[in-house]
Amino acid sequence: MKKVNVIIFHLIISLTAFAQSPLLIPDYISGSEVQLTLQEGEVELFQGHLTKSIGYNQNILGPTLIFDKGQDVSIDVVNKLNEPTTVHWHGLHVSPKNDGGPHTIINPDHTWSPEFTILDEAATYWYHPHLHEHTEEQVTNGAAGFIIVRDADEAELELPRTYGVDDIPIVIQSRAFDSDNQFMMNTAADNIILCNATIDAFLDAPAQVVRLRLLNGSTERLYNLGFSDDRNFFQIASDGGLLNEPVSMNRLVLVPGERAEILLDLSGDLGKSLTLISYGSELPNGYYGASNPSVMPMGNIEGYSSNNLNGNDFEVLDINVISPSEDAVLSIPGTLVNHIPYSEDDVDRTRSLVFSPGQMGPHGMVNGPFSINNQSFDLNVINEEVLFENTEIWELRNMTAIAHPFHIHDVQFYILDINGSIPSASMRGRKDVVIVPPMGGTVRIIMRFDDFADIETPYMYHCHMLSHEDDGMMGQFLVLPLTTNEINLDPSIVTCSPNPATNFMRITGAPQANLKIYDIRGNMVRDESRIREDQEININNLEPGIYILTIESDKFKNSLKLMKL
């Protein structure tokens, strides 16, 4: 294990404009063996006052983990808290047992030791607790850290990648504090902005092209980011990897859990200063951070209107431009990588997830508790079952008065459309978080469930507003193997029609064979001996869903996928 101390971790911070503090750049850890110890701490966020916190290997936040695609890693996570926790590798494509969801609990004084191969493309990911009903509490108190993945395609590009110099991770978090300067939860009083656990932070950046890895680590707040001189910058990556080409913009909306990498050209700005600003005044109603978080005139959140960040522009980070570093990058590349999204022609199934309030009326439509498909999260209920290697479209429809950022574990997806329109160029890359507009807003995403199947341990999907997630706006799904038996998949031998079917299906091309039907958990639900070459099978008593038909004789064994309506 290699550990590099980039700057001494300290926080000497005041709220006054005359006592800015340098942006904390987290230490980083690279190599195949990593130890993370979640521990209690204290930090001086306000001058002369200590705030209780938690962090990995330090008082607050955690070290940045830097991995290479294809690398085998083993991580020991030690829990030194007085309560259980979990660690979720947000955005990484790992097996459900390694994913760190709410089923993978680490009790106090226990160690969890996942091992997995980095299968992900070069991008910015992050890690944080995912303990059911306590995610907001533990993340708010400081438990979070960056993950940077590098790969061969990214290495061939002329991009800034000197960590902490021209390649800088920045997590933006709005926080609320009580009269004793302690973190508060379950409140709309999040009127203090932290960048890398630093209040009123500044960054000394070299006069060259710099790469900012931006993460919205807030509980609920959206940011509409731009610079004080309204200059253009270039987005080069979204949640799960590089875009096909840099996208020029002067505003970037970043929702909770979402990441973006941008290039900022400071080559002609030596000696100047500029400020990263969130232009909240430009956010439409219905988005947390706008003048009104609801699109309903009567809908609001208690304490929201008195928060001076809401509906207003505010400073996030000051940047002072200093002398360039050695081997400075001075230009923006014209192209990046070549992504080809999944095709709708290859889709095996389309699902619909509807976001709904727990109660109707203005209060419930914006305050919740919210649910997905009218089901509040239950650790013992599997909400969806997906077949291994399926390509699926999930239609996300939001029937509440507030926008929700949707996150799915396991896979990266591509956005097909938002309210029927093709997404902007910056949103056409690999994603694991997408904002779903309010009051009937619809987003369609397409994804493929490769590499991992497990009949016991589920993955999660949920709103990444942590208070909504903790209140039950979450579901879980299994990725299941086709059957529990090894079979020869050759659909040309036999056919069944119609498919999908309602009451009957006809089997052809299988003389004197045995037919067995399995549900997607691998349980046999029908055994038909000695079917004829052309035989009609009654399936009226089967529950709607996907089934696997195995047809076997002394000369062949074959399977087909059947959808029962």
Protein backbone atom coordinates (compact mmCIF):
# COMPACT_ATOMS: atom_id res chain seq x y z
CA MET A 1 0.00 0.00 0.00
CA LYS A 2 1.31 3.43 -0.97
CA LYS A 3 0.12 6.49 0.89
CA VAL A 4 1.05 10.04 -0.10
CA ASN A 5 0.41 13.01 2.18
CA VAL A 6 -0.46 15.89 -0.16
CA ILE A 7 -1.01 18.60 2.47
CA ILE A 8 -1.25 18.57 6.24
CA PHE A 9 -4.87 18.02 7.23
CA HIS A 10 -6.03 20.94 9.32
CA LEU A 11 -9.03 23.20 9.41
CA ILE A 12 -8.54 26.71 10.81
CA ILE A 13 -11.72 28.28 9.53
CA SER A 14 -13.82 31.34 10.18
CA LEU A 15 -17.01 32.61 8.63
CA THR A 16 -15.56 36.08 8.13
CA ALA A 17 -14.56 37.20 4.63
CA PHE A 18 -11.13 38.12 6.00
CA ALA A 19 -10.16 34.65 7.20
CA GLN A 20 -10.45 32.37 4.22
CA SER A 21 -8.84 28.95 4.44
CA PRO A 22 -7.00 26.94 1.80
CA LEU A 23 -9.05 24.16 0.25
CA LEU A 24 -8.27 20.85 1.93
CA ILE A 25 -6.83 18.40 -0.61
CA PRO A 26 -7.41 14.90 0.81
CA ASP A 27 -4.51 12.49 1.10
CA TYR A 28 -4.62 9.69 -1.43
CA ILE A 29 -4.03 5.96 -1.28
CA SER A 30 -3.06 3.87 -4.30
CA GLY A 31 -2.20 0.21 -4.61
CA SER A 32 -4.01 -3.10 -4.31
CA GLU A 33 -4.37 -3.18 -0.50
CA VAL A 34 -6.29 -0.47 1.33
CA GLN A 35 -7.34 -0.02 4.94
CA LEU A 36 -10.12 2.42 5.85
CA THR A 37 -10.96 2.99 9.51
CA LEU A 38 -14.20 4.85 10.17
CA GLN A 39 -13.65 6.80 13.36
CA GLU A 40 -15.00 9.64 15.46
CA GLY A 41 -13.25 12.99 15.45
CA GLU A 42 -13.50 16.73 15.93
CA VAL A 43 -12.77 19.55 13.50
CA GLU A 44 -12.45 23.32 13.90
CA LEU A 45 -14.87 24.46 11.20
CA PHE A 46 -15.59 27.70 13.11
CA GLN A 47 -12.68 29.52 14.69
CA GLY A 48 -12.36 28.58 18.34
CA HIS A 49 -15.15 25.97 18.21
CA LEU A 50 -14.96 22.20 17.71
CA THR A 51 -17.55 20.27 15.72
CA LYS A 52 -17.98 16.53 16.29
CA SER A 53 -17.42 14.56 13.10
CA ILE A 54 -16.57 11.16 11.66
CA GLY A 55 -14.15 10.23 8.89
CA TYR A 56 -12.09 7.48 7.32
CA ASN A 57 -8.51 7.40 8.63
CA GLN A 58 -8.95 11.03 9.77
CA ASN A 59 -11.35 13.37 11.53
CA ILE A 60 -13.60 14.15 8.56
CA LEU A 61 -14.04 12.85 4.99
CA GLY A 62 -11.52 10.24 3.86
CA PRO A 63 -8.53 9.66 1.60
CA THR A 64 -8.98 9.54 -2.16
CA LEU A 65 -8.59 5.98 -3.47
CA ILE A 66 -6.82 5.82 -6.83
CA PHE A 67 -7.19 2.60 -8.83
CA ASP A 68 -6.44 1.35 -12.34
CA LYS A 69 -8.98 -0.45 -14.48
CA GLY A 70 -8.28 -4.19 -14.34
CA GLN A 71 -6.58 -3.95 -10.94
CA ASP A 72 -7.45 -6.48 -8.23
CA VAL A 73 -8.02 -4.72 -4.90
CA SER A 74 -8.68 -5.81 -1.34
CA ILE A 75 -10.02 -3.33 1.19
CA ASP A 76 -10.27 -3.71 4.96
CA VAL A 77 -12.98 -1.45 6.38
CA VAL A 78 -12.70 -1.18 10.16
CA ASN A 79 -15.66 0.25 12.08
CA LYS A 80 -14.53 2.17 15.17
CA LEU A 81 -17.89 3.89 15.66
CA ASN A 82 -20.29 2.96 18.44
CA GLU A 83 -22.93 2.05 15.86
CA PRO A 84 -23.14 -0.12 12.73
CA THR A 85 -22.23 1.20 9.31
CA THR A 86 -21.72 0.07 5.72
CA VAL A 87 -19.52 1.38 2.90
CA HIS A 88 -20.94 1.68 -0.61
CA TRP A 89 -18.58 2.15 -3.58
CA HIS A 90 -20.84 4.59 -5.40
CA GLY A 91 -20.69 4.06 -9.16
CA LEU A 92 -18.34 1.06 -9.15
CA HIS A 93 -19.43 -2.11 -10.98
CA VAL A 94 -18.94 -4.81 -8.35
CA SER A 95 -20.83 -7.90 -7.20
CA PRO A 96 -23.76 -7.30 -4.82
CA LYS A 97 -21.85 -8.87 -1.92
CA ASN A 98 -19.07 -6.30 -2.45
CA ASP A 99 -21.38 -3.35 -3.16
CA GLY A 100 -21.74 -2.25 0.46
CA GLY A 101 -25.49 -1.73 0.48
CA PRO A 102 -27.71 -1.86 3.58
CA HIS A 103 -27.48 -5.68 3.78
CA THR A 104 -23.69 -5.61 4.29
CA ILE A 105 -23.56 -4.30 7.86
CA ILE A 106 -20.26 -3.70 9.65
CA ASN A 107 -20.87 -3.83 13.38
CA PRO A 108 -18.77 -1.81 15.86
CA ASP A 109 -15.19 -3.12 16.23
CA HIS A 110 -15.67 -5.37 13.21
CA THR A 111 -13.91 -5.40 9.84
CA TRP A 112 -15.40 -5.94 6.40
CA SER A 113 -12.93 -7.14 3.75
CA PRO A 114 -14.30 -7.00 0.20
CA GLU A 115 -12.10 -8.05 -2.71
CA PHE A 116 -12.90 -7.21 -6.32
CA THR A 117 -11.49 -6.30 -9.72
CA ILE A 118 -11.83 -2.72 -10.96
CA LEU A 119 -13.99 -3.08 -14.09
CA ASP A 120 -14.86 0.58 -14.43
CA GLU A 121 -13.78 3.19 -16.93
CA ALA A 122 -11.65 6.17 -15.96
CA ALA A 123 -13.89 8.52 -13.99
CA THR A 124 -14.61 10.01 -10.57
CA TYR A 125 -16.54 7.84 -8.14
CA TRP A 126 -17.00 8.05 -4.36
CA TYR A 127 -17.59 6.00 -1.23
CA HIS A 128 -19.95 6.64 1.67
CA PRO A 129 -22.10 4.80 4.24
CA HIS A 130 -25.36 3.20 3.13
CA LEU A 131 -26.86 2.06 6.44
CA HIS A 132 -30.65 1.90 6.18
CA GLU A 133 -32.32 4.89 7.88
CA HIS A 134 -28.92 6.29 8.94
CA THR A 135 -27.26 7.23 5.65
CA GLU A 136 -27.99 10.95 6.03
CA GLU A 137 -26.68 11.00 9.60
CA GLN A 138 -23.34 9.36 8.84
CA VAL A 139 -22.67 11.20 5.58
CA THR A 140 -23.63 14.55 7.13
CA ASN A 141 -21.18 13.95 9.98
CA GLY A 142 -18.37 13.57 7.46
CA ALA A 143 -18.12 9.99 6.20
CA ALA A 144 -17.31 10.23 2.48
CA GLY A 145 -14.34 10.02 0.14
CA PHE A 146 -13.38 10.11 -3.52
CA ILE A 147 -12.45 7.22 -5.80
CA ILE A 148 -10.48 7.94 -8.98
CA VAL A 149 -10.20 5.24 -11.64
CA ARG A 150 -7.67 5.54 -14.44
CA ASP A 151 -7.46 3.48 -17.64
CA ALA A 152 -5.42 3.17 -20.84
CA ASP A 153 -7.79 5.28 -22.97
CA GLU A 154 -7.65 8.19 -20.52
CA ALA A 155 -3.85 7.87 -20.25
CA GLU A 156 -3.45 8.49 -23.99
CA LEU A 157 -5.14 11.90 -23.75
CA GLU A 158 -3.32 15.11 -22.89
CA LEU A 159 -5.23 15.87 -19.70
CA PRO A 160 -4.22 17.29 -16.32
CA ARG A 161 -3.62 14.43 -13.90
CA THR A 162 -1.18 15.66 -11.23
CA TYR A 163 -3.25 15.05 -8.13
CA GLY A 164 -3.75 18.13 -5.98
CA VAL A 165 -1.96 20.45 -8.44
CA ASP A 166 -3.91 20.53 -11.71
CA ASP A 167 -6.23 17.56 -11.01
CA ILE A 168 -8.31 18.53 -7.99
CA PRO A 169 -11.21 16.67 -6.28
CA ILE A 170 -13.88 18.99 -4.87
CA VAL A 171 -16.88 17.74 -2.89
CA ILE A 172 -19.52 20.44 -2.34
CA GLN A 173 -21.81 20.01 0.65
CA SER A 174 -24.39 22.29 2.23
CA ARG A 175 -24.68 21.79 5.97
CA ALA A 176 -26.76 23.07 8.87
CA PHE A 177 -25.32 23.78 12.33
CA ASP A 178 -26.97 24.27 15.68
CA SER A 179 -26.11 26.97 18.24
CA ASP A 180 -23.22 24.80 19.51
CA ASN A 181 -21.75 24.55 15.99
CA GLN A 182 -22.69 20.88 15.66
CA PHE A 183 -24.05 19.26 12.50
CA MET A 184 -27.84 19.13 12.21
CA MET A 185 -29.93 16.56 10.35
CA ASN A 186 -33.49 16.57 8.98
CA THR A 187 -33.58 20.32 8.46
CA ALA A 188 -33.85 22.83 5.62
CA ALA A 189 -31.41 25.17 7.41
CA ASP A 190 -28.44 24.00 5.30
CA ASN A 191 -27.07 27.50 4.78
CA ILE A 192 -23.32 26.83 5.14
CA ILE A 193 -21.28 25.62 2.14
CA LEU A 194 -18.32 23.31 2.67
CA CYS A 195 -15.80 22.44 -0.06
CA ASN A 196 -13.72 19.46 1.02
CA ALA A 197 -14.84 20.12 4.62
CA THR A 198 -13.61 23.72 4.36
CA ILE A 199 -15.79 26.78 4.97
CA ASP A 200 -15.04 29.90 2.91
CA ALA A 201 -12.36 28.04 0.98
CA PHE A 202 -9.90 29.26 -1.61
CA LEU A 203 -7.79 27.34 -4.11
CA ASP A 204 -4.45 28.41 -5.57
CA ALA A 205 -4.60 27.01 -9.12
CA PRO A 206 -1.83 27.25 -11.74
CA ALA A 207 -2.14 29.39 -14.87
CA GLN A 208 -2.84 26.46 -17.20
CA VAL A 209 -5.65 24.02 -17.91
CA VAL A 210 -6.84 22.51 -14.61
CA ARG A 211 -9.16 19.59 -14.06
CA LEU A 212 -11.82 19.91 -11.36
CA ARG A 213 -13.49 16.67 -10.25
CA LEU A 214 -16.79 17.95 -8.87
CA LEU A 215 -19.02 15.90 -6.55
CA ASN A 216 -22.34 16.99 -5.08
CA GLY A 217 -22.17 15.35 -1.65
CA SER A 218 -25.11 17.30 -0.20
CA THR A 219 -28.12 15.73 1.43
CA GLU A 220 -30.70 17.43 -0.82
CA ARG A 221 -29.33 20.61 -2.46
CA LEU A 222 -28.80 21.01 -6.22
CA TYR A 223 -26.08 23.33 -7.53
CA ASN A 224 -26.15 25.38 -10.73
CA LEU A 225 -22.43 26.00 -11.11
CA GLY A 226 -20.64 28.67 -13.10
CA PHE A 227 -17.89 31.23 -12.64
CA SER A 228 -18.06 34.85 -11.53
CA ASP A 229 -16.86 36.16 -14.92
CA ASP A 230 -19.38 33.91 -16.72
CA ARG A 231 -16.57 32.23 -18.65
CA ASN A 232 -17.04 28.97 -20.51
CA PHE A 233 -15.48 25.74 -19.25
CA PHE A 234 -15.48 22.23 -20.68
CA GLN A 235 -17.14 19.16 -19.21
CA ILE A 236 -15.12 16.05 -20.10
CA ALA A 237 -16.71 13.35 -17.94
CA SER A 238 -19.98 12.43 -16.27
CA ASP A 239 -20.60 9.88 -13.50
CA GLY A 240 -19.17 6.80 -15.18
CA GLY A 241 -16.56 7.97 -17.65
CA LEU A 242 -15.29 10.38 -20.25
CA LEU A 243 -17.63 11.92 -22.81
CA ASN A 244 -17.04 11.51 -26.52
CA GLU A 245 -15.74 15.07 -26.71
CA PRO A 246 -15.44 18.08 -24.39
CA VAL A 247 -18.67 20.06 -24.04
CA SER A 248 -18.37 23.84 -23.72
CA MET A 249 -20.74 25.41 -21.18
CA ASN A 250 -21.05 28.19 -18.64
CA ARG A 251 -23.52 26.42 -16.30
CA LEU A 252 -23.40 22.92 -14.84
CA VAL A 253 -26.30 21.55 -12.79
CA LEU A 254 -25.03 19.00 -10.28
CA VAL A 255 -27.54 16.98 -8.23
CA PRO A 256 -26.91 14.97 -5.05
CA GLY A 257 -24.65 11.98 -5.70
CA GLU A 258 -23.71 13.19 -9.19
CA ARG A 259 -20.15 13.84 -10.42
CA ALA A 260 -18.69 15.77 -13.33
CA GLU A 261 -15.15 16.49 -14.46
CA ILE A 262 -14.50 19.90 -16.01
CA LEU A 263 -11.48 21.56 -17.62
CA LEU A 264 -10.93 25.21 -16.71
CA ASP A 265 -8.47 27.13 -18.88
CA LEU A 266 -6.55 29.55 -16.64
CA SER A 267 -3.54 29.90 -18.93
CA GLY A 268 -4.12 33.62 -19.52
CA ASP A 269 -5.17 34.51 -15.98
CA LEU A 270 -1.92 34.68 -13.99
CA GLY A 271 -2.43 36.93 -10.96
CA LYS A 272 -6.20 37.08 -11.35
CA SER A 273 -8.95 35.65 -9.15
CA LEU A 274 -12.37 34.21 -9.92
CA THR A 275 -15.10 32.52 -7.94
CA LEU A 276 -17.06 29.33 -8.46
CA ILE A 277 -20.70 30.31 -7.89
CA SER A 278 -23.97 28.42 -7.64
CA TYR A 279 -26.57 30.43 -9.55
CA GLY A 280 -29.56 29.36 -7.51
CA SER A 281 -31.62 32.27 -8.86
CA GLU A 282 -31.69 30.49 -12.24
CA LEU A 283 -33.06 27.18 -10.95
CA PRO A 284 -36.72 26.56 -11.79
CA ASN A 285 -39.22 25.91 -9.00
CA GLY A 286 -39.51 22.26 -8.13
CA TYR A 287 -35.77 21.81 -7.57
CA TYR A 288 -34.20 21.94 -4.10
CA GLY A 289 -32.20 25.17 -4.16
CA ALA A 290 -34.71 27.22 -6.17
CA SER A 291 -36.95 29.90 -4.68
CA ASN A 292 -39.56 27.24 -4.10
CA PRO A 293 -38.67 23.52 -3.96
CA SER A 294 -42.19 22.71 -5.20
CA VAL A 295 -43.99 23.50 -8.43
CA MET A 296 -47.21 23.76 -6.41
CA PRO A 297 -47.98 27.29 -5.15
CA MET A 298 -48.98 25.98 -1.72
CA GLY A 299 -46.17 23.43 -1.40
CA ASN A 300 -43.09 24.18 0.68
CA ILE A 301 -40.66 22.69 3.18
CA GLU A 302 -40.61 24.00 6.74
CA GLY A 303 -37.80 26.49 7.15
CA TYR A 304 -36.95 26.48 3.45
CA SER A 305 -37.97 30.05 2.63
CA SER A 306 -35.85 31.49 5.47
CA ASN A 307 -32.66 29.86 4.11
CA ASN A 308 -30.80 32.63 2.26
CA LEU A 309 -29.18 30.15 -0.16
CA ASN A 310 -32.51 29.19 -1.70
CA GLY A 311 -33.33 31.06 -4.88
CA ASN A 312 -30.17 33.13 -4.62
CA ASP A 313 -26.65 33.10 -6.09
CA PHE A 314 -23.89 32.27 -3.63
CA GLU A 315 -20.14 31.69 -3.58
CA VAL A 316 -18.79 28.15 -3.45
CA LEU A 317 -15.00 28.46 -3.91
CA ASP A 318 -12.55 31.28 -4.65
CA ILE A 319 -9.73 30.53 -7.11
CA ASN A 320 -6.46 32.48 -7.20
CA VAL A 321 -4.36 31.93 -10.33
CA ILE A 322 -0.65 31.39 -9.59
CA SER A 323 2.38 30.48 -11.70
CA PRO A 324 2.05 27.42 -13.95
CA SER A 325 3.58 24.11 -12.95
CA GLU A 326 6.10 22.08 -14.90
CA ASP A 327 4.70 20.13 -17.88
CA ALA A 328 1.57 22.27 -17.82
CA VAL A 329 -1.35 21.32 -20.07
CA LEU A 330 -2.24 24.41 -22.10
CA SER A 331 -4.97 23.23 -24.49
CA ILE A 332 -8.33 21.47 -24.49
CA PRO A 333 -8.43 18.18 -26.45
CA GLY A 334 -10.78 18.04 -29.41
CA THR A 335 -12.01 14.49 -28.79
CA LEU A 336 -11.99 12.07 -25.87
CA VAL A 337 -13.36 8.52 -26.23
CA ASN A 338 -15.90 6.80 -28.46
CA HIS A 339 -18.98 5.67 -26.56
CA ILE A 340 -21.71 3.76 -28.36
CA PRO A 341 -24.85 3.64 -26.17
CA TYR A 342 -26.96 0.50 -25.97
CA SER A 343 -29.56 0.18 -28.72
CA GLU A 344 -33.29 0.09 -28.08
CA ASP A 345 -33.42 -2.71 -30.69
CA ASP A 346 -31.60 -4.99 -28.20
CA VAL A 347 -33.90 -4.37 -25.23
CA ASP A 348 -35.16 -7.46 -23.38
CA ARG A 349 -37.57 -5.68 -21.07
CA THR A 350 -38.98 -2.27 -20.17
CA ARG A 351 -39.87 -1.43 -16.56
CA SER A 352 -41.75 1.49 -15.06
CA LEU A 353 -40.87 3.11 -11.73
CA VAL A 354 -43.29 5.75 -10.46
CA PHE A 355 -42.30 8.20 -7.71
CA SER A 356 -45.29 9.08 -5.54
CA PRO A 357 -45.98 10.94 -2.28
CA GLY A 358 -47.04 9.14 0.86
CA GLN A 359 -50.01 11.47 1.11
CA MET A 360 -51.71 13.80 -1.35
CA GLY A 361 -51.95 17.55 -0.93
CA PRO A 362 -49.27 20.26 -0.97
CA HIS A 363 -47.48 18.99 2.16
CA GLY A 364 -47.11 15.39 1.06
CA MET A 365 -46.25 16.30 -2.54
CA VAL A 366 -43.08 18.13 -1.47
CA ASN A 367 -42.27 16.77 2.01
CA GLY A 368 -43.05 13.09 1.53
CA PRO A 369 -42.44 10.50 2.72
CA PHE A 370 -42.05 9.39 -0.89
CA SER A 371 -42.23 5.91 -2.35
CA ILE A 372 -41.43 4.08 -5.59
CA ASN A 373 -44.31 2.15 -7.18
CA ASN A 374 -46.27 2.79 -3.96
CA GLN A 375 -43.84 0.65 -1.97
CA SER A 376 -41.76 2.01 0.89
CA PHE A 377 -38.42 0.26 1.28
CA ASP A 378 -38.42 -3.07 3.11
CA LEU A 379 -35.15 -4.96 3.61
CA ASN A 380 -37.05 -8.24 3.27
CA VAL A 381 -38.84 -7.44 -0.02
CA ILE A 382 -37.26 -7.82 -3.47
CA ASN A 383 -38.94 -5.21 -5.65
CA GLU A 384 -37.54 -6.18 -9.06
CA GLU A 385 -35.89 -9.25 -10.59
CA VAL A 386 -33.58 -8.80 -13.55
CA LEU A 387 -32.17 -11.54 -15.75
CA PHE A 388 -28.42 -11.71 -16.14
CA GLU A 389 -27.20 -10.14 -19.40
CA ASN A 390 -30.54 -8.43 -19.98
CA THR A 391 -30.59 -5.02 -21.64
CA GLU A 392 -33.43 -3.03 -20.12
CA ILE A 393 -35.14 0.33 -20.33
CA TRP A 394 -36.37 1.79 -17.06
CA GLU A 395 -38.96 4.54 -17.35
CA LEU A 396 -38.82 6.85 -14.32
CA ARG A 397 -41.98 8.91 -13.79
CA ASN A 398 -42.15 11.50 -11.01
CA MET A 399 -45.67 12.24 -9.75
CA THR A 400 -44.50 14.44 -6.87
CA ALA A 401 -44.05 18.24 -6.81
CA ILE A 402 -40.26 18.10 -6.27
CA ALA A 403 -37.49 16.76 -8.53
CA HIS A 404 -35.69 13.59 -7.38
CA PRO A 405 -32.17 12.41 -8.29
CA PHE A 406 -32.42 8.70 -9.13
CA HIS A 407 -29.40 6.45 -8.51
CA ILE A 408 -28.96 2.78 -9.35
CA HIS A 409 -26.25 0.46 -8.02
CA ASP A 410 -24.34 -2.11 -10.14
CA VAL A 411 -24.49 -0.54 -13.60
CA GLN A 412 -23.97 2.66 -15.54
CA PHE A 413 -26.81 3.73 -17.82
CA TYR A 414 -27.38 6.01 -20.79
CA ILE A 415 -30.22 8.55 -20.79
CA LEU A 416 -32.55 8.02 -23.76
CA ASP A 417 -34.75 11.05 -23.19
CA ILE A 418 -36.02 13.50 -20.57
CA ASN A 419 -39.67 14.47 -20.98
CA GLY A 420 -39.44 13.07 -24.50
CA SER A 421 -36.40 15.15 -25.52
CA ILE A 422 -32.88 13.89 -26.20
CA PRO A 423 -30.57 14.93 -23.34
CA SER A 424 -27.93 17.62 -23.78
CA ALA A 425 -24.48 16.54 -24.98
CA SER A 426 -23.08 16.70 -21.44
CA MET A 427 -25.64 14.10 -20.29
CA ARG A 428 -25.07 11.54 -23.05
CA GLY A 429 -22.24 9.71 -21.33
CA ARG A 430 -22.26 6.90 -18.78
CA LYS A 431 -24.39 7.82 -15.77
CA ASP A 432 -25.54 6.41 -12.45
CA VAL A 433 -27.51 9.48 -11.25
CA VAL A 434 -30.19 11.41 -13.13
CA ILE A 435 -32.62 14.08 -11.97
CA VAL A 436 -36.28 13.32 -12.72
CA PRO A 437 -38.39 16.50 -13.17
CA PRO A 438 -41.51 17.02 -11.02
CA MET A 439 -45.25 16.63 -11.73
CA GLY A 440 -45.24 13.91 -14.36
CA GLY A 441 -41.64 14.38 -15.48
CA THR A 442 -40.34 11.26 -17.20
CA VAL A 443 -36.81 10.00 -17.85
CA ARG A 444 -36.01 6.85 -19.82
CA ILE A 445 -32.66 5.15 -19.19
CA ILE A 446 -31.11 2.08 -20.86
CA MET A 447 -28.59 -0.28 -19.25
CA ARG A 448 -27.20 -3.81 -19.45
CA PHE A 449 -26.77 -6.14 -16.45
CA ASP A 450 -23.48 -7.89 -17.13
CA ASP A 451 -20.83 -9.75 -15.09
CA PHE A 452 -22.66 -10.38 -11.80
CA ALA A 453 -25.67 -12.47 -10.79
CA ASP A 454 -26.69 -13.47 -7.27
CA ILE A 455 -29.92 -15.14 -6.19
CA GLU A 456 -29.59 -13.89 -2.59
CA THR A 457 -27.97 -10.45 -2.34
CA PRO A 458 -29.72 -7.51 -4.00
CA TYR A 459 -28.59 -4.16 -5.39
CA MET A 460 -30.34 -0.88 -4.54
CA TYR A 461 -32.03 1.87 -6.53
CA HIS A 462 -33.19 5.01 -4.76
CA CYS A 463 -33.55 8.75 -4.59
CA HIS A 464 -30.15 10.23 -3.70
CA MET A 465 -31.67 12.90 -1.52
CA LEU A 466 -30.47 11.10 1.58
CA SER A 467 -33.42 12.12 3.74
CA HIS A 468 -35.79 10.71 1.10
CA GLU A 469 -33.77 7.49 0.88
CA ASP A 470 -33.77 7.05 4.67
CA ASP A 471 -37.54 7.63 4.73
CA GLY A 472 -38.11 4.72 2.33
CA MET A 473 -37.72 6.07 -1.23
CA MET A 474 -35.66 3.06 -2.21
CA GLY A 475 -36.09 -0.37 -3.79
CA GLN A 476 -33.91 -3.39 -4.36
CA PHE A 477 -33.40 -5.80 -7.24
CA LEU A 478 -31.77 -9.16 -7.84
CA VAL A 479 -29.77 -9.96 -10.95
CA LEU A 480 -30.54 -13.62 -11.52
CA PRO A 481 -28.89 -16.29 -13.66
CA LEU A 482 -31.03 -17.74 -16.45
CA THR A 483 -31.45 -20.99 -14.52
CA THR A 484 -29.66 -22.81 -11.77
CA ASN A 485 -28.71 -25.53 -14.30
CA GLU A 486 -26.12 -25.39 -17.06
CA ILE A 487 -27.93 -25.64 -20.39
CA ASN A 488 -27.10 -25.28 -24.05
CA LEU A 489 -28.69 -22.08 -25.34
CA ASP A 490 -29.65 -22.67 -28.97
CA PRO A 491 -32.97 -21.01 -29.86
CA SER A 492 -32.93 -22.34 -33.43
CA ILE A 493 -33.86 -25.89 -32.38
CA VAL A 494 -37.34 -25.18 -31.04
CA THR A 495 -39.76 -22.28 -30.89
CA CYS A 496 -42.66 -21.24 -28.69
CA SER A 497 -45.39 -18.84 -29.72
CA PRO A 498 -46.93 -16.48 -28.97
CA ASN A 499 -44.22 -14.89 -26.86
CA PRO A 500 -45.23 -12.96 -24.75
CA ALA A 501 -48.19 -15.23 -24.02
CA THR A 502 -51.28 -14.93 -21.83
CA ASN A 503 -53.05 -18.28 -21.56
CA PHE A 504 -51.51 -20.71 -24.04
CA MET A 505 -48.26 -21.19 -25.95
CA ARG A 506 -47.40 -23.62 -28.74
CA ILE A 507 -44.12 -25.56 -28.81
CA THR A 508 -42.83 -26.60 -32.23
CA GLY A 509 -39.71 -28.39 -33.44
CA ALA A 510 -39.19 -30.64 -30.40
CA PRO A 511 -40.39 -34.19 -31.14
CA GLN A 512 -40.76 -36.49 -28.12
CA ALA A 513 -39.11 -34.12 -25.64
CA ASN A 514 -39.55 -33.20 -22.00
CA LEU A 515 -40.53 -29.63 -21.08
CA LYS A 516 -39.72 -27.94 -17.80
CA ILE A 517 -40.53 -24.34 -16.89
CA TYR A 518 -38.47 -22.41 -14.31
CA ASP A 519 -39.13 -19.04 -12.77
CA ILE A 520 -36.24 -16.59 -12.76
CA ARG A 521 -35.17 -17.74 -9.30
CA GLY A 522 -34.48 -21.17 -10.80
CA ASN A 523 -37.51 -22.86 -9.19
CA MET A 524 -39.26 -25.43 -11.41
CA VAL A 525 -42.94 -24.54 -11.76
CA ARG A 526 -44.01 -26.99 -14.52
CA ASP A 527 -42.89 -30.45 -15.66
CA GLU A 528 -44.44 -31.74 -18.91
CA SER A 529 -43.25 -35.19 -19.98
CA ARG A 530 -43.11 -36.36 -23.59
CA ILE A 531 -44.46 -33.32 -25.41
CA ARG A 532 -45.14 -33.67 -29.15
CA GLU A 533 -43.53 -31.80 -32.03
CA ASP A 534 -46.46 -29.41 -32.20
CA GLN A 535 -48.21 -29.08 -28.85
CA GLU A 536 -50.16 -26.38 -27.07
CA ILE A 537 -49.30 -25.79 -23.39
CA ASN A 538 -51.71 -24.15 -20.94
CA ILE A 539 -49.86 -21.49 -18.87
CA ASN A 540 -52.94 -19.74 -17.51
CA ASN A 541 -52.05 -20.64 -13.92
CA LEU A 542 -48.57 -19.07 -14.05
CA GLU A 543 -48.02 -15.67 -12.47
CA PRO A 544 -47.07 -12.84 -14.89
CA GLY A 545 -43.32 -12.60 -15.32
CA ILE A 546 -40.32 -14.05 -17.10
CA TYR A 547 -39.76 -17.81 -17.25
CA ILE A 548 -37.15 -20.13 -18.71
CA LEU A 549 -38.34 -23.15 -20.72
CA THR A 550 -35.98 -26.10 -20.93
CA ILE A 551 -36.73 -28.67 -23.61
CA GLU A 552 -34.71 -31.88 -23.45
CA SER A 553 -34.56 -35.19 -25.29
CA ASP A 554 -31.89 -37.86 -25.59
CA LYS A 555 -30.42 -35.84 -28.52
CA PHE A 556 -30.47 -32.24 -27.30
CA LYS A 557 -31.10 -29.85 -24.44
CA ASN A 558 -32.27 -26.32 -25.13
CA SER A 559 -33.80 -23.31 -23.40
CA LEU A 560 -36.00 -20.37 -24.33
CA LYS A 561 -37.06 -17.24 -22.50
CA LEU A 562 -40.85 -16.78 -22.14
CA MET A 563 -42.74 -13.74 -20.92
CA LYS A 564 -46.12 -14.49 -19.34
CA LEU A 565 -48.50 -11.50 -19.42
